[in-house]
Amino acid sequence: MVKKPVNWWLWTKMLVVGGVVCVGGPAVTMWLTPTDEELFKKYNPELQKRSLDRRYERQKEFDDFVTKLKEQSKSSKPIWHVQKEAEDKARKERIAEKSEAMAAERALQQERQKEMRREAGLSTE
């Protein structure tokens, strides 16, 4: 049985093409991708102003998110369970605040009705 010779030309072509694809692909992507500053300069002036105005708010929101995430990651439970519990707690707090506000509004409205009845000379039952 005769052993076939190694096709060195084929292996050389494959290594060169593989190197070009593995190194050249990401290099071309990095070269063509615009930076954040270049994208910002392409905005119209109104969007630039709005973006600059909201920058502090977005940074604060992100910092709050990261802080919450760090606190939640300290728990022994999976993070999604801790986040779900935090969402449920926040939702219950919002519902409680709304119900308190509605109760205060109702009391204020009843007080107004009593005052209007007194001014009109009707009985205040």
PDB file of N, CA and C in Angstrom:
ATOM      1  N   MET A   1       0.844  -1.159   0.000  1.00  0.00           N
ATOM      2  CA  MET A   1       0.000   0.000   0.000  1.00  0.00           C
ATOM      3  C   MET A   1       0.903   1.241   0.000  1.00  0.00           C
ATOM      4  N   VAL A   2       0.631   2.149  -0.928  1.00  0.00           N
ATOM      5  CA  VAL A   2       1.446   3.327  -1.102  1.00  0.00           C
ATOM      6  C   VAL A   2       0.786   4.503  -0.384  1.00  0.00           C
ATOM      7  N   LYS A   3       1.570   5.227   0.420  1.00  0.00           N
ATOM      8  CA  LYS A   3       1.062   6.376   1.174  1.00  0.00           C
ATOM      9  C   LYS A   3       1.050   7.595   0.258  1.00  0.00           C
ATOM     10  N   LYS A   4      -0.079   8.360   0.246  1.00  0.00           N
ATOM     11  CA  LYS A   4      -0.186   9.563  -0.584  1.00  0.00           C
ATOM     12  C   LYS A   4       0.673  10.670   0.002  1.00  0.00           C
ATOM     13  N   PRO A   5       1.285  11.476  -0.836  1.00  0.00           N
ATOM     14  CA  PRO A   5       2.086  12.582  -0.307  1.00  0.00           C
ATOM     15  C   PRO A   5       1.193  13.687   0.266  1.00  0.00           C
ATOM     16  N   VAL A   6       1.708  14.462   1.220  1.00  0.00           N
ATOM     17  CA  VAL A   6       0.973  15.559   1.845  1.00  0.00           C
ATOM     18  C   VAL A   6       0.911  16.722   0.867  1.00  0.00           C
ATOM     19  N   ASN A   7      -0.263  17.279   0.704  1.00  0.00           N
ATOM     20  CA  ASN A   7      -0.450  18.418  -0.202  1.00  0.00           C
ATOM     21  C   ASN A   7      -0.157  19.703   0.587  1.00  0.00           C
ATOM     22  N   TRP A   8       1.108  20.104   0.602  1.00  0.00           N
ATOM     23  CA  TRP A   8       1.538  21.249   1.379  1.00  0.00           C
ATOM     24  C   TRP A   8       0.925  22.545   0.864  1.00  0.00           C
ATOM     25  N   TRP A   9       0.695  22.665  -0.412  1.00  0.00           N
ATOM     26  CA  TRP A   9       0.096  23.882  -0.975  1.00  0.00           C
ATOM     27  C   TRP A   9      -1.319  24.078  -0.416  1.00  0.00           C
ATOM     28  N   LEU A  10      -2.097  23.017  -0.345  1.00  0.00           N
ATOM     29  CA  LEU A  10      -3.464  23.081   0.195  1.00  0.00           C
ATOM     30  C   LEU A  10      -3.435  23.502   1.666  1.00  0.00           C
ATOM     31  N   TRP A  11      -2.543  22.897   2.465  1.00  0.00           N
ATOM     32  CA  TRP A  11      -2.453  23.235   3.871  1.00  0.00           C
ATOM     33  C   TRP A  11      -2.005  24.687   4.059  1.00  0.00           C
ATOM     34  N   THR A  12      -1.106  25.157   3.226  1.00  0.00           N
ATOM     35  CA  THR A  12      -0.646  26.544   3.314  1.00  0.00           C
ATOM     36  C   THR A  12      -1.792  27.500   3.017  1.00  0.00           C
ATOM     37  N   LYS A  13      -2.541  27.236   1.966  1.00  0.00           N
ATOM     38  CA  LYS A  13      -3.698  28.082   1.613  1.00  0.00           C
ATOM     39  C   LYS A  13      -4.715  28.094   2.746  1.00  0.00           C
ATOM     40  N   MET A  14      -4.985  26.936   3.327  1.00  0.00           N
ATOM     41  CA  MET A  14      -5.974  26.856   4.398  1.00  0.00           C
ATOM     42  C   MET A  14      -5.524  27.647   5.627  1.00  0.00           C
ATOM     43  N   LEU A  15      -4.250  27.552   5.987  1.00  0.00           N
ATOM     44  CA  LEU A  15      -3.759  28.293   7.141  1.00  0.00           C
ATOM     45  C   LEU A  15      -3.787  29.800   6.886  1.00  0.00           C
ATOM     46  N   VAL A  16      -3.424  30.226   5.680  1.00  0.00           N
ATOM     47  CA  VAL A  16      -3.447  31.657   5.361  1.00  0.00           C
ATOM     48  C   VAL A  16      -4.874  32.180   5.391  1.00  0.00           C
ATOM     49  N   VAL A  17      -5.790  31.466   4.753  1.00  0.00           N
ATOM     50  CA  VAL A  17      -7.193  31.907   4.735  1.00  0.00           C
ATOM     51  C   VAL A  17      -7.761  31.902   6.153  1.00  0.00           C
ATOM     52  N   GLY A  18      -7.476  30.885   6.941  1.00  0.00           N
ATOM     53  CA  GLY A  18      -7.965  30.840   8.317  1.00  0.00           C
ATOM     54  C   GLY A  18      -7.437  31.993   9.131  1.00  0.00           C
ATOM     55  N   GLY A  19      -6.140  32.320   8.966  1.00  0.00           N
ATOM     56  CA  GLY A  19      -5.562  33.459   9.679  1.00  0.00           C
ATOM     57  C   GLY A  19      -6.201  34.765   9.270  1.00  0.00           C
ATOM     58  N   VAL A  20      -6.447  34.938   7.968  1.00  0.00           N
ATOM     59  CA  VAL A  20      -7.082  36.174   7.487  1.00  0.00           C
ATOM     60  C   VAL A  20      -8.484  36.305   8.063  1.00  0.00           C
ATOM     61  N   VAL A  21      -9.227  35.212   8.087  1.00  0.00           N
ATOM     62  CA  VAL A  21     -10.600  35.258   8.597  1.00  0.00           C
ATOM     63  C   VAL A  21     -10.609  35.492  10.109  1.00  0.00           C
ATOM     64  N   CYS A  22      -9.754  34.779  10.842  1.00  0.00           N
ATOM     65  CA  CYS A  22      -9.764  34.879  12.308  1.00  0.00           C
ATOM     66  C   CYS A  22      -9.214  36.204  12.812  1.00  0.00           C
ATOM     67  N   VAL A  23      -8.225  36.761  12.120  1.00  0.00           N
ATOM     68  CA  VAL A  23      -7.634  38.013  12.561  1.00  0.00           C
ATOM     69  C   VAL A  23      -8.235  39.192  11.816  1.00  0.00           C
ATOM     70  N   GLY A  24      -8.430  39.037  10.523  1.00  0.00           N
ATOM     71  CA  GLY A  24      -8.910  40.143   9.698  1.00  0.00           C
ATOM     72  C   GLY A  24     -10.357  40.498   9.944  1.00  0.00           C
ATOM     73  N   GLY A  25     -11.199  39.505  10.228  1.00  0.00           N
ATOM     74  CA  GLY A  25     -12.623  39.780  10.452  1.00  0.00           C
ATOM     75  C   GLY A  25     -12.853  40.728  11.620  1.00  0.00           C
ATOM     76  N   PRO A  26     -12.363  40.389  12.801  1.00  0.00           N
ATOM     77  CA  PRO A  26     -12.523  41.311  13.931  1.00  0.00           C
ATOM     78  C   PRO A  26     -11.815  42.643  13.711  1.00  0.00           C
ATOM     79  N   ALA A  27     -10.664  42.621  13.018  1.00  0.00           N
ATOM     80  CA  ALA A  27      -9.946  43.878  12.771  1.00  0.00           C
ATOM     81  C   ALA A  27     -10.773  44.797  11.888  1.00  0.00           C
ATOM     82  N   VAL A  28     -11.393  44.254  10.844  1.00  0.00           N
ATOM     83  CA  VAL A  28     -12.234  45.070   9.960  1.00  0.00           C
ATOM     84  C   VAL A  28     -13.444  45.576  10.729  1.00  0.00           C
ATOM     85  N   THR A  29     -14.028  44.745  11.572  1.00  0.00           N
ATOM     86  CA  THR A  29     -15.186  45.166  12.365  1.00  0.00           C
ATOM     87  C   THR A  29     -14.823  46.323  13.290  1.00  0.00           C
ATOM     88  N   MET A  30     -13.676  46.224  13.972  1.00  0.00           N
ATOM     89  CA  MET A  30     -13.258  47.311  14.859  1.00  0.00           C
ATOM     90  C   MET A  30     -12.954  48.573  14.063  1.00  0.00           C
ATOM     91  N   TRP A  31     -12.411  48.419  12.882  1.00  0.00           N
ATOM     92  CA  TRP A  31     -12.053  49.571  12.055  1.00  0.00           C
ATOM     93  C   TRP A  31     -13.298  50.287  11.534  1.00  0.00           C
ATOM     94  N   LEU A  32     -14.351  49.519  11.206  1.00  0.00           N
ATOM     95  CA  LEU A  32     -15.559  50.107  10.609  1.00  0.00           C
ATOM     96  C   LEU A  32     -16.569  50.592  11.646  1.00  0.00           C
ATOM     97  N   THR A  33     -16.538  50.073  12.855  1.00  0.00           N
ATOM     98  CA  THR A  33     -17.513  50.453  13.870  1.00  0.00           C
ATOM     99  C   THR A  33     -17.215  51.868  14.371  1.00  0.00           C
ATOM    100  N   PRO A  34     -18.220  52.768  14.311  1.00  0.00           N
ATOM    101  CA  PRO A  34     -17.972  54.131  14.798  1.00  0.00           C
ATOM    102  C   PRO A  34     -17.922  54.172  16.318  1.00  0.00           C
ATOM    103  N   THR A  35     -17.196  55.140  16.831  1.00  0.00           N
ATOM    104  CA  THR A  35     -17.118  55.320  18.284  1.00  0.00           C
ATOM    105  C   THR A  35     -18.370  56.039  18.763  1.00  0.00           C
ATOM    106  N   ASP A  36     -18.552  56.092  20.072  1.00  0.00           N
ATOM    107  CA  ASP A  36     -19.708  56.784  20.640  1.00  0.00           C
ATOM    108  C   ASP A  36     -19.675  58.272  20.291  1.00  0.00           C
ATOM    109  N   GLU A  37     -18.493  58.853  20.303  1.00  0.00           N
ATOM    110  CA  GLU A  37     -18.369  60.277  19.984  1.00  0.00           C
ATOM    111  C   GLU A  37     -18.748  60.552  18.532  1.00  0.00           C
ATOM    112  N   GLU A  38     -18.340  59.672  17.613  1.00  0.00           N
ATOM    113  CA  GLU A  38     -18.698  59.853  16.204  1.00  0.00           C
ATOM    114  C   GLU A  38     -20.206  59.750  16.011  1.00  0.00           C
ATOM    115  N   LEU A  39     -20.828  58.803  16.702  1.00  0.00           N
ATOM    116  CA  LEU A  39     -22.286  58.681  16.604  1.00  0.00           C
ATOM    117  C   LEU A  39     -22.970  59.917  17.172  1.00  0.00           C
ATOM    118  N   PHE A  40     -22.462  60.414  18.304  1.00  0.00           N
ATOM    119  CA  PHE A  40     -23.049  61.590  18.944  1.00  0.00           C
ATOM    120  C   PHE A  40     -22.967  62.804  18.024  1.00  0.00           C
ATOM    121  N   LYS A  41     -21.865  62.950  17.306  1.00  0.00           N
ATOM    122  CA  LYS A  41     -21.697  64.090  16.396  1.00  0.00           C
ATOM    123  C   LYS A  41     -22.665  64.020  15.226  1.00  0.00           C
ATOM    124  N   LYS A  42     -23.133  62.818  14.883  1.00  0.00           N
ATOM    125  CA  LYS A  42     -24.068  62.671  13.766  1.00  0.00           C
ATOM    126  C   LYS A  42     -25.512  62.969  14.170  1.00  0.00           C
ATOM    127  N   TYR A  43     -25.780  63.074  15.470  1.00  0.00           N
ATOM    128  CA  TYR A  43     -27.117  63.464  15.931  1.00  0.00           C
ATOM    129  C   TYR A  43     -27.410  64.884  15.484  1.00  0.00           C
ATOM    130  N   ASN A  44     -28.717  65.169  15.340  1.00  0.00           N
ATOM    131  CA  ASN A  44     -29.045  66.569  15.106  1.00  0.00           C
ATOM    132  C   ASN A  44     -28.930  67.322  16.439  1.00  0.00           C
ATOM    133  N   PRO A  45     -28.803  68.637  16.405  1.00  0.00           N
ATOM    134  CA  PRO A  45     -28.548  69.406  17.642  1.00  0.00           C
ATOM    135  C   PRO A  45     -29.591  69.187  18.735  1.00  0.00           C
ATOM    136  N   GLU A  46     -30.845  69.001  18.340  1.00  0.00           N
ATOM    137  CA  GLU A  46     -31.899  68.807  19.343  1.00  0.00           C
ATOM    138  C   GLU A  46     -31.675  67.495  20.108  1.00  0.00           C
ATOM    139  N   LEU A  47     -31.337  66.422  19.372  1.00  0.00           N
ATOM    140  CA  LEU A  47     -31.077  65.141  20.032  1.00  0.00           C
ATOM    141  C   LEU A  47     -29.821  65.208  20.886  1.00  0.00           C
ATOM    142  N   GLN A  48     -28.809  65.934  20.433  1.00  0.00           N
ATOM    143  CA  GLN A  48     -27.594  66.093  21.229  1.00  0.00           C
ATOM    144  C   GLN A  48     -27.920  66.763  22.560  1.00  0.00           C
ATOM    145  N   LYS A  49     -28.720  67.817  22.502  1.00  0.00           N
ATOM    146  CA  LYS A  49     -29.078  68.550  23.726  1.00  0.00           C
ATOM    147  C   LYS A  49     -29.876  67.652  24.670  1.00  0.00           C
ATOM    148  N   ARG A  50     -30.856  66.925  24.108  1.00  0.00           N
ATOM    149  CA  ARG A  50     -31.679  66.049  24.928  1.00  0.00           C
ATOM    150  C   ARG A  50     -30.830  64.934  25.554  1.00  0.00           C
ATOM    151  N   SER A  51     -29.902  64.410  24.766  1.00  0.00           N
ATOM    152  CA  SER A  51     -29.026  63.351  25.273  1.00  0.00           C
ATOM    153  C   SER A  51     -28.148  63.868  26.410  1.00  0.00           C
ATOM    154  N   LEU A  52     -27.612  65.061  26.249  1.00  0.00           N
ATOM    155  CA  LEU A  52     -26.785  65.642  27.306  1.00  0.00           C
ATOM    156  C   LEU A  52     -27.609  65.936  28.555  1.00  0.00           C
ATOM    157  N   ASP A  53     -28.858  66.378  28.367  1.00  0.00           N
ATOM    158  CA  ASP A  53     -29.726  66.677  29.508  1.00  0.00           C
ATOM    159  C   ASP A  53     -30.053  65.411  30.307  1.00  0.00           C
ATOM    160  N   ARG A  54     -30.256  64.298  29.621  1.00  0.00           N
ATOM    161  CA  ARG A  54     -30.655  63.064  30.293  1.00  0.00           C
ATOM    162  C   ARG A  54     -29.479  62.205  30.726  1.00  0.00           C
ATOM    163  N   ARG A  55     -28.252  62.610  30.406  1.00  0.00           N
ATOM    164  CA  ARG A  55     -27.077  61.793  30.707  1.00  0.00           C
ATOM    165  C   ARG A  55     -26.969  61.502  32.206  1.00  0.00           C
ATOM    166  N   TYR A  56     -27.133  62.527  33.043  1.00  0.00           N
ATOM    167  CA  TYR A  56     -27.010  62.349  34.486  1.00  0.00           C
ATOM    168  C   TYR A  56     -28.080  61.378  35.000  1.00  0.00           C
ATOM    169  N   GLU A  57     -29.311  61.526  34.489  1.00  0.00           N
ATOM    170  CA  GLU A  57     -30.394  60.646  34.931  1.00  0.00           C
ATOM    171  C   GLU A  57     -30.098  59.193  34.569  1.00  0.00           C
ATOM    172  N   ARG A  58     -29.630  58.959  33.341  1.00  0.00           N
ATOM    173  CA  ARG A  58     -29.321  57.596  32.905  1.00  0.00           C
ATOM    174  C   ARG A  58     -28.177  57.008  33.726  1.00  0.00           C
ATOM    175  N   GLN A  59     -27.169  57.807  34.021  1.00  0.00           N
ATOM    176  CA  GLN A  59     -26.064  57.322  34.837  1.00  0.00           C
ATOM    177  C   GLN A  59     -26.542  56.971  36.241  1.00  0.00           C
ATOM    178  N   LYS A  60     -27.424  57.811  36.794  1.00  0.00           N
ATOM    179  CA  LYS A  60     -27.957  57.549  38.132  1.00  0.00           C
ATOM    180  C   LYS A  60     -28.793  56.267  38.125  1.00  0.00           C
ATOM    181  N   GLU A  61     -29.632  56.083  37.098  1.00  0.00           N
ATOM    182  CA  GLU A  61     -30.442  54.867  37.000  1.00  0.00           C
ATOM    183  C   GLU A  61     -29.547  53.633  36.907  1.00  0.00           C
ATOM    184  N   PHE A  62     -28.496  53.734  36.104  1.00  0.00           N
ATOM    185  CA  PHE A  62     -27.588  52.601  35.955  1.00  0.00           C
ATOM    186  C   PHE A  62     -26.877  52.301  37.271  1.00  0.00           C
ATOM    187  N   ASP A  63     -26.428  53.337  37.964  1.00  0.00           N
ATOM    188  CA  ASP A  63     -25.760  53.141  39.252  1.00  0.00           C
ATOM    189  C   ASP A  63     -26.705  52.499  40.265  1.00  0.00           C
ATOM    190  N   ASP A  64     -27.962  52.956  40.277  1.00  0.00           N
ATOM    191  CA  ASP A  64     -28.953  52.356  41.174  1.00  0.00           C
ATOM    192  C   ASP A  64     -29.166  50.879  40.838  1.00  0.00           C
ATOM    193  N   PHE A  65     -29.257  50.585  39.538  1.00  0.00           N
ATOM    194  CA  PHE A  65     -29.455  49.209  39.093  1.00  0.00           C
ATOM    195  C   PHE A  65     -28.291  48.327  39.542  1.00  0.00           C
ATOM    196  N   VAL A  66     -27.076  48.802  39.342  1.00  0.00           N
ATOM    197  CA  VAL A  66     -25.893  48.017  39.728  1.00  0.00           C
ATOM    198  C   VAL A  66     -25.848  47.834  41.238  1.00  0.00           C
ATOM    199  N   THR A  67     -26.195  48.873  41.986  1.00  0.00           N
ATOM    200  CA  THR A  67     -26.208  48.766  43.454  1.00  0.00           C
ATOM    201  C   THR A  67     -27.221  47.714  43.903  1.00  0.00           C
ATOM    202  N   LYS A  68     -28.428  47.759  43.332  1.00  0.00           N
ATOM    203  CA  LYS A  68     -29.445  46.763  43.678  1.00  0.00           C
ATOM    204  C   LYS A  68     -28.976  45.360  43.310  1.00  0.00           C
ATOM    205  N   LEU A  69     -28.345  45.249  42.138  1.00  0.00           N
ATOM    206  CA  LEU A  69     -27.873  43.951  41.686  1.00  0.00           C
ATOM    207  C   LEU A  69     -26.812  43.396  42.629  1.00  0.00           C
ATOM    208  N   LYS A  70     -25.922  44.254  43.110  1.00  0.00           N
ATOM    209  CA  LYS A  70     -24.899  43.815  44.054  1.00  0.00           C
ATOM    210  C   LYS A  70     -25.532  43.351  45.362  1.00  0.00           C
ATOM    211  N   GLU A  71     -26.532  44.097  45.843  1.00  0.00           N
ATOM    212  CA  GLU A  71     -27.207  43.716  47.078  1.00  0.00           C
ATOM    213  C   GLU A  71     -27.933  42.387  46.912  1.00  0.00           C
ATOM    214  N   GLN A  72     -28.599  42.234  45.767  1.00  0.00           N
ATOM    215  CA  GLN A  72     -29.366  41.015  45.528  1.00  0.00           C
ATOM    216  C   GLN A  72     -28.460  39.813  45.311  1.00  0.00           C
ATOM    217  N   SER A  73     -27.264  40.034  44.806  1.00  0.00           N
ATOM    218  CA  SER A  73     -26.367  38.910  44.553  1.00  0.00           C
ATOM    219  C   SER A  73     -25.774  38.346  45.840  1.00  0.00           C
ATOM    220  N   LYS A  74     -25.869  39.070  46.938  1.00  0.00           N
ATOM    221  CA  LYS A  74     -25.340  38.589  48.217  1.00  0.00           C
ATOM    222  C   LYS A  74     -26.215  37.490  48.815  1.00  0.00           C
ATOM    223  N   SER A  75     -27.443  37.370  48.341  1.00  0.00           N
ATOM    224  CA  SER A  75     -28.358  36.368  48.864  1.00  0.00           C
ATOM    225  C   SER A  75     -27.939  34.973  48.388  1.00  0.00           C
ATOM    226  N   SER A  76     -28.329  33.963  49.140  1.00  0.00           N
ATOM    227  CA  SER A  76     -28.017  32.586  48.754  1.00  0.00           C
ATOM    228  C   SER A  76     -29.000  32.064  47.710  1.00  0.00           C
ATOM    229  N   LYS A  77     -30.103  32.777  47.510  1.00  0.00           N
ATOM    230  CA  LYS A  77     -31.099  32.375  46.514  1.00  0.00           C
ATOM    231  C   LYS A  77     -30.620  32.775  45.119  1.00  0.00           C
ATOM    232  N   PRO A  78     -31.196  32.150  44.081  1.00  0.00           N
ATOM    233  CA  PRO A  78     -30.879  32.590  42.719  1.00  0.00           C
ATOM    234  C   PRO A  78     -31.326  34.043  42.512  1.00  0.00           C
ATOM    235  N   ILE A  79     -30.583  34.768  41.685  1.00  0.00           N
ATOM    236  CA  ILE A  79     -30.811  36.207  41.522  1.00  0.00           C
ATOM    237  C   ILE A  79     -32.211  36.500  40.993  1.00  0.00           C
ATOM    238  N   TRP A  80     -32.737  35.640  40.113  1.00  0.00           N
ATOM    239  CA  TRP A  80     -34.058  35.922  39.544  1.00  0.00           C
ATOM    240  C   TRP A  80     -35.147  35.809  40.607  1.00  0.00           C
ATOM    241  N   HIS A  81     -34.974  34.924  41.611  1.00  0.00           N
ATOM    242  CA  HIS A  81     -35.956  34.837  42.700  1.00  0.00           C
ATOM    243  C   HIS A  81     -35.903  36.098  43.569  1.00  0.00           C
ATOM    244  N   VAL A  82     -34.696  36.548  43.845  1.00  0.00           N
ATOM    245  CA  VAL A  82     -34.534  37.750  44.667  1.00  0.00           C
ATOM    246  C   VAL A  82     -35.116  38.958  43.935  1.00  0.00           C
ATOM    247  N   GLN A  83     -34.872  39.058  42.624  1.00  0.00           N
ATOM    248  CA  GLN A  83     -35.418  40.176  41.854  1.00  0.00           C
ATOM    249  C   GLN A  83     -36.938  40.114  41.816  1.00  0.00           C
ATOM    250  N   LYS A  84     -37.495  38.929  41.671  1.00  0.00           N
ATOM    251  CA  LYS A  84     -38.951  38.770  41.654  1.00  0.00           C
ATOM    252  C   LYS A  84     -39.539  39.201  43.002  1.00  0.00           C
ATOM    253  N   GLU A  85     -38.904  38.806  44.096  1.00  0.00           N
ATOM    254  CA  GLU A  85     -39.383  39.218  45.417  1.00  0.00           C
ATOM    255  C   GLU A  85     -39.309  40.731  45.585  1.00  0.00           C
ATOM    256  N   ALA A  86     -38.232  41.337  45.088  1.00  0.00           N
ATOM    257  CA  ALA A  86     -38.097  42.796  45.187  1.00  0.00           C
ATOM    258  C   ALA A  86     -39.168  43.494  44.365  1.00  0.00           C
ATOM    259  N   GLU A  87     -39.457  42.963  43.166  1.00  0.00           N
ATOM    260  CA  GLU A  87     -40.517  43.551  42.330  1.00  0.00           C
ATOM    261  C   GLU A  87     -41.867  43.435  43.017  1.00  0.00           C
ATOM    262  N   ASP A  88     -42.152  42.271  43.615  1.00  0.00           N
ATOM    263  CA  ASP A  88     -43.426  42.080  44.309  1.00  0.00           C
ATOM    264  C   ASP A  88     -43.554  43.045  45.488  1.00  0.00           C
ATOM    265  N   LYS A  89     -42.455  43.199  46.230  1.00  0.00           N
ATOM    266  CA  LYS A  89     -42.471  44.113  47.375  1.00  0.00           C
ATOM    267  C   LYS A  89     -42.710  45.549  46.919  1.00  0.00           C
ATOM    268  N   ALA A  90     -42.037  45.964  45.847  1.00  0.00           N
ATOM    269  CA  ALA A  90     -42.206  47.324  45.324  1.00  0.00           C
ATOM    270  C   ALA A  90     -43.632  47.531  44.826  1.00  0.00           C
ATOM    271  N   ARG A  91     -44.205  46.499  44.174  1.00  0.00           N
ATOM    272  CA  ARG A  91     -45.575  46.607  43.667  1.00  0.00           C
ATOM    273  C   ARG A  91     -46.557  46.749  44.828  1.00  0.00           C
ATOM    274  N   LYS A  92     -46.359  45.979  45.891  1.00  0.00           N
ATOM    275  CA  LYS A  92     -47.242  46.075  47.060  1.00  0.00           C
ATOM    276  C   LYS A  92     -47.134  47.446  47.717  1.00  0.00           C
ATOM    277  N   GLU A  93     -45.914  47.985  47.774  1.00  0.00           N
ATOM    278  CA  GLU A  93     -45.734  49.321  48.339  1.00  0.00           C
ATOM    279  C   GLU A  93     -46.449  50.376  47.502  1.00  0.00           C
ATOM    280  N   ARG A  94     -46.366  50.253  46.187  1.00  0.00           N
ATOM    281  CA  ARG A  94     -47.068  51.215  45.314  1.00  0.00           C
ATOM    282  C   ARG A  94     -48.575  51.123  45.502  1.00  0.00           C
ATOM    283  N   ILE A  95     -49.082  49.896  45.627  1.00  0.00           N
ATOM    284  CA  ILE A  95     -50.521  49.720  45.836  1.00  0.00           C
ATOM    285  C   ILE A  95     -50.934  50.337  47.167  1.00  0.00           C
ATOM    286  N   ALA A  96     -50.137  50.133  48.208  1.00  0.00           N
ATOM    287  CA  ALA A  96     -50.452  50.698  49.527  1.00  0.00           C
ATOM    288  C   ALA A  96     -50.428  52.223  49.467  1.00  0.00           C
ATOM    289  N   GLU A  97     -49.446  52.795  48.779  1.00  0.00           N
ATOM    290  CA  GLU A  97     -49.367  54.259  48.648  1.00  0.00           C
ATOM    291  C   GLU A  97     -50.584  54.796  47.905  1.00  0.00           C
ATOM    292  N   LYS A  98     -50.994  54.101  46.844  1.00  0.00           N
ATOM    293  CA  LYS A  98     -52.160  54.549  46.078  1.00  0.00           C
ATOM    294  C   LYS A  98     -53.423  54.492  46.923  1.00  0.00           C
ATOM    295  N   SER A  99     -53.563  53.420  47.703  1.00  0.00           N
ATOM    296  CA  SER A  99     -54.772  53.303  48.523  1.00  0.00           C
ATOM    297  C   SER A  99     -54.790  54.382  49.606  1.00  0.00           C
ATOM    298  N   GLU A 100     -53.614  54.698  50.187  1.00  0.00           N
ATOM    299  CA  GLU A 100     -53.553  55.778  51.174  1.00  0.00           C
ATOM    300  C   GLU A 100     -53.894  57.122  50.533  1.00  0.00           C
ATOM    301  N   ALA A 101     -53.388  57.347  49.342  1.00  0.00           N
ATOM    302  CA  ALA A 101     -53.675  58.602  48.651  1.00  0.00           C
ATOM    303  C   ALA A 101     -55.157  58.703  48.319  1.00  0.00           C
ATOM    304  N   MET A 102     -55.746  57.583  47.912  1.00  0.00           N
ATOM    305  CA  MET A 102     -57.177  57.594  47.596  1.00  0.00           C
ATOM    306  C   MET A 102     -57.999  57.836  48.856  1.00  0.00           C
ATOM    307  N   ALA A 103     -57.600  57.248  49.969  1.00  0.00           N
ATOM    308  CA  ALA A 103     -58.322  57.458  51.228  1.00  0.00           C
ATOM    309  C   ALA A 103     -58.220  58.917  51.654  1.00  0.00           C
ATOM    310  N   ALA A 104     -57.047  59.505  51.520  1.00  0.00           N
ATOM    311  CA  ALA A 104     -56.877  60.915  51.866  1.00  0.00           C
ATOM    312  C   ALA A 104     -57.718  61.796  50.946  1.00  0.00           C
ATOM    313  N   GLU A 105     -57.760  61.462  49.671  1.00  0.00           N
ATOM    314  CA  GLU A 105     -58.573  62.232  48.722  1.00  0.00           C
ATOM    315  C   GLU A 105     -60.054  62.113  49.058  1.00  0.00           C
ATOM    316  N   ARG A 106     -60.497  60.890  49.438  1.00  0.00           N
ATOM    317  CA  ARG A 106     -61.893  60.697  49.819  1.00  0.00           C
ATOM    318  C   ARG A 106     -62.245  61.524  51.049  1.00  0.00           C
ATOM    319  N   ALA A 107     -61.357  61.523  52.029  1.00  0.00           N
ATOM    320  CA  ALA A 107     -61.611  62.294  53.253  1.00  0.00           C
ATOM    321  C   ALA A 107     -61.674  63.782  52.927  1.00  0.00           C
ATOM    322  N   LEU A 108     -60.789  64.250  52.079  1.00  0.00           N
ATOM    323  CA  LEU A 108     -60.795  65.654  51.660  1.00  0.00           C
ATOM    324  C   LEU A 108     -62.080  65.996  50.912  1.00  0.00           C
ATOM    325  N   GLN A 109     -62.508  65.073  50.055  1.00  0.00           N
ATOM    326  CA  GLN A 109     -63.749  65.314  49.309  1.00  0.00           C
ATOM    327  C   GLN A 109     -64.953  65.355  50.256  1.00  0.00           C
ATOM    328  N   GLN A 110     -64.999  64.475  51.243  1.00  0.00           N
ATOM    329  CA  GLN A 110     -66.104  64.493  52.205  1.00  0.00           C
ATOM    330  C   GLN A 110     -66.087  65.788  53.012  1.00  0.00           C
ATOM    331  N   GLU A 111     -64.914  66.247  53.375  1.00  0.00           N
ATOM    332  CA  GLU A 111     -64.800  67.512  54.108  1.00  0.00           C
ATOM    333  C   GLU A 111     -65.315  68.668  53.255  1.00  0.00           C
ATOM    334  N   ARG A 112     -64.981  68.658  51.979  1.00  0.00           N
ATOM    335  CA  ARG A 112     -65.475  69.707  51.067  1.00  0.00           C
ATOM    336  C   ARG A 112     -66.998  69.670  50.972  1.00  0.00           C
ATOM    337  N   GLN A 113     -67.542  68.450  50.876  1.00  0.00           N
ATOM    338  CA  GLN A 113     -68.999  68.327  50.786  1.00  0.00           C
ATOM    339  C   GLN A 113     -69.666  68.868  52.053  1.00  0.00           C
ATOM    340  N   LYS A 114     -69.103  68.557  53.221  1.00  0.00           N
ATOM    341  CA  LYS A 114     -69.668  69.063  54.473  1.00  0.00           C
ATOM    342  C   LYS A 114     -69.607  70.587  54.511  1.00  0.00           C
ATOM    343  N   GLU A 115     -68.475  71.146  54.074  1.00  0.00           N
ATOM    344  CA  GLU A 115     -68.322  72.602  54.053  1.00  0.00           C
ATOM    345  C   GLU A 115     -69.341  73.240  53.101  1.00  0.00           C
ATOM    346  N   MET A 116     -69.528  72.618  51.956  1.00  0.00           N
ATOM    347  CA  MET A 116     -70.493  73.157  50.987  1.00  0.00           C
ATOM    348  C   MET A 116     -71.899  73.074  51.552  1.00  0.00           C
ATOM    349  N   ARG A 117     -72.227  71.994  52.283  1.00  0.00           N
ATOM    350  CA  ARG A 117     -73.556  71.872  52.876  1.00  0.00           C
ATOM    351  C   ARG A 117     -73.753  72.936  53.959  1.00  0.00           C
ATOM    352  N   ARG A 118     -72.710  73.185  54.759  1.00  0.00           N
ATOM    353  CA  ARG A 118     -72.828  74.207  55.785  1.00  0.00           C
ATOM    354  C   ARG A 118     -73.067  75.578  55.151  1.00  0.00           C
ATOM    355  N   GLU A 119     -72.309  75.867  54.081  1.00  0.00           N
ATOM    356  CA  GLU A 119     -72.476  77.177  53.405  1.00  0.00           C
ATOM    357  C   GLU A 119     -73.875  77.291  52.789  1.00  0.00           C
ATOM    358  N   ALA A 120     -74.417  76.155  52.307  1.00  0.00           N
ATOM    359  CA  ALA A 120     -75.730  76.195  51.674  1.00  0.00           C
ATOM    360  C   ALA A 120     -76.851  76.168  52.727  1.00  0.00           C
ATOM    361  N   GLY A 121     -76.509  75.914  53.982  1.00  0.00           N
ATOM    362  CA  GLY A 121     -77.514  75.914  55.037  1.00  0.00           C
ATOM    363  C   GLY A 121     -78.212  74.597  55.172  1.00  0.00           C
ATOM    364  N   LEU A 122     -77.671  73.510  54.603  1.00  0.00           N
ATOM    365  CA  LEU A 122     -78.273  72.184  54.716  1.00  0.00           C
ATOM    366  C   LEU A 122     -77.712  71.505  55.963  1.00  0.00           C
ATOM    367  N   SER A 123     -78.389  70.438  56.355  1.00  0.00           N
ATOM    368  CA  SER A 123     -77.940  69.734  57.557  1.00  0.00           C
ATOM    369  C   SER A 123     -76.654  68.954  57.238  1.00  0.00           C
ATOM    370  N   THR A 124     -75.820  68.866  58.232  1.00  0.00           N
ATOM    371  CA  THR A 124     -74.558  68.119  58.060  1.00  0.00           C
ATOM    372  C   THR A 124     -74.676  66.790  58.808  1.00  0.00           C
ATOM    373  N   GLU A 125     -75.091  65.784  58.104  1.00  0.00           N
ATOM    374  CA  GLU A 125     -75.321  64.472  58.725  1.00  0.00           C
ATOM    375  C   GLU A 125     -74.090  63.661  58.735  1.00  0.00           C
TER     376      GLU A 125
END
